[in-house]
């Protein structure tokens, strides 16, 4: 297997973590059928991005007050 090196920004790392958690929940709920993994991963990523966008619009971080 070819080794891959990724260098993710902190915001990307947060999205990956959230998407993985969402995807794991789909698996635990037996929603992911064999062969459908890529579609459910994509769905999980889109959900994580939506959550991040809504959070960004709803919460003002300390750095945004400057």
Protein backbone atom coordinates (compact mmCIF):
# COMPACT_ATOMS: atom_id res chain seq x y z
CA UNK A 1 0.00 0.00 0.00
CA UNK A 2 1.31 3.43 -0.94
CA UNK A 3 1.98 5.62 2.06
CA UNK A 4 0.20 8.97 2.07
CA UNK A 5 1.28 12.04 4.00
CA UNK A 6 -1.30 14.67 4.82
CA UNK A 7 -0.77 18.10 6.31
CA UNK A 8 -4.14 19.40 7.44
CA UNK A 9 -4.90 22.84 8.82
CA UNK A 10 -6.56 22.96 12.27
CA UNK A 11 -9.99 23.68 10.76
CA UNK A 12 -9.59 20.74 8.39
CA UNK A 13 -8.57 18.52 11.30
CA UNK A 14 -11.74 19.54 13.13
CA UNK A 15 -13.87 18.67 10.09
CA UNK A 16 -12.17 15.27 9.74
CA UNK A 17 -12.79 14.51 13.42
CA UNK A 18 -16.45 15.54 13.21
CA UNK A 19 -16.99 13.65 9.94
CA UNK A 20 -15.39 10.51 11.39
CA UNK A 21 -17.65 10.72 14.43
CA UNK A 22 -20.73 11.16 12.24
CA UNK A 23 -19.65 8.29 9.96
CA UNK A 24 -19.05 6.04 12.98
CA UNK A 25 -22.58 6.80 14.17
CA UNK A 26 -23.99 5.79 10.79
CA UNK A 27 -22.03 2.52 10.99
CA UNK A 28 -23.18 1.88 14.57
CA UNK A 29 -26.78 2.46 13.46
CA UNK A 30 -26.28 -0.13 10.67
CA UNK A 31 -27.03 2.48 8.00
CA UNK A 32 -23.87 1.81 5.94
CA UNK A 33 -24.25 -1.19 3.66
CA UNK A 34 -21.35 -2.96 1.97
CA UNK A 35 -20.22 -1.03 -1.08
CA UNK A 36 -21.89 2.19 0.06
CA UNK A 37 -19.04 3.41 2.28
CA UNK A 38 -17.84 6.23 -0.03
CA UNK A 39 -21.34 7.72 -0.27
CA UNK A 40 -21.79 7.65 3.50
CA UNK A 41 -18.34 9.15 4.04
CA UNK A 42 -19.25 11.99 1.67
CA UNK A 43 -22.54 12.49 3.49
CA UNK A 44 -20.68 12.60 6.81
CA UNK A 45 -18.19 15.16 5.50
CA UNK A 46 -20.98 17.37 4.15
CA UNK A 47 -22.80 17.18 7.50
CA UNK A 48 -19.61 18.11 9.37
CA UNK A 49 -19.05 21.10 7.07
CA UNK A 50 -22.65 22.25 7.58
CA UNK A 51 -22.20 22.01 11.35
CA UNK A 52 -18.95 24.01 11.12
CA UNK A 53 -20.56 26.72 8.97
CA UNK A 54 -23.57 27.08 11.26
CA UNK A 55 -21.26 27.22 14.28
CA UNK A 56 -19.10 29.88 12.61
CA UNK A 57 -22.18 31.99 11.85
CA UNK A 58 -23.60 31.56 15.35
CA UNK A 59 -20.53 32.00 17.57
CA UNK A 60 -18.03 34.84 17.70
CA UNK A 61 -14.54 33.69 18.64
CA UNK A 62 -12.20 35.89 20.68
CA UNK A 63 -10.10 36.77 17.62
CA UNK A 64 -13.20 38.06 15.80
CA UNK A 65 -13.66 40.85 18.35
CA UNK A 66 -10.51 42.71 17.24
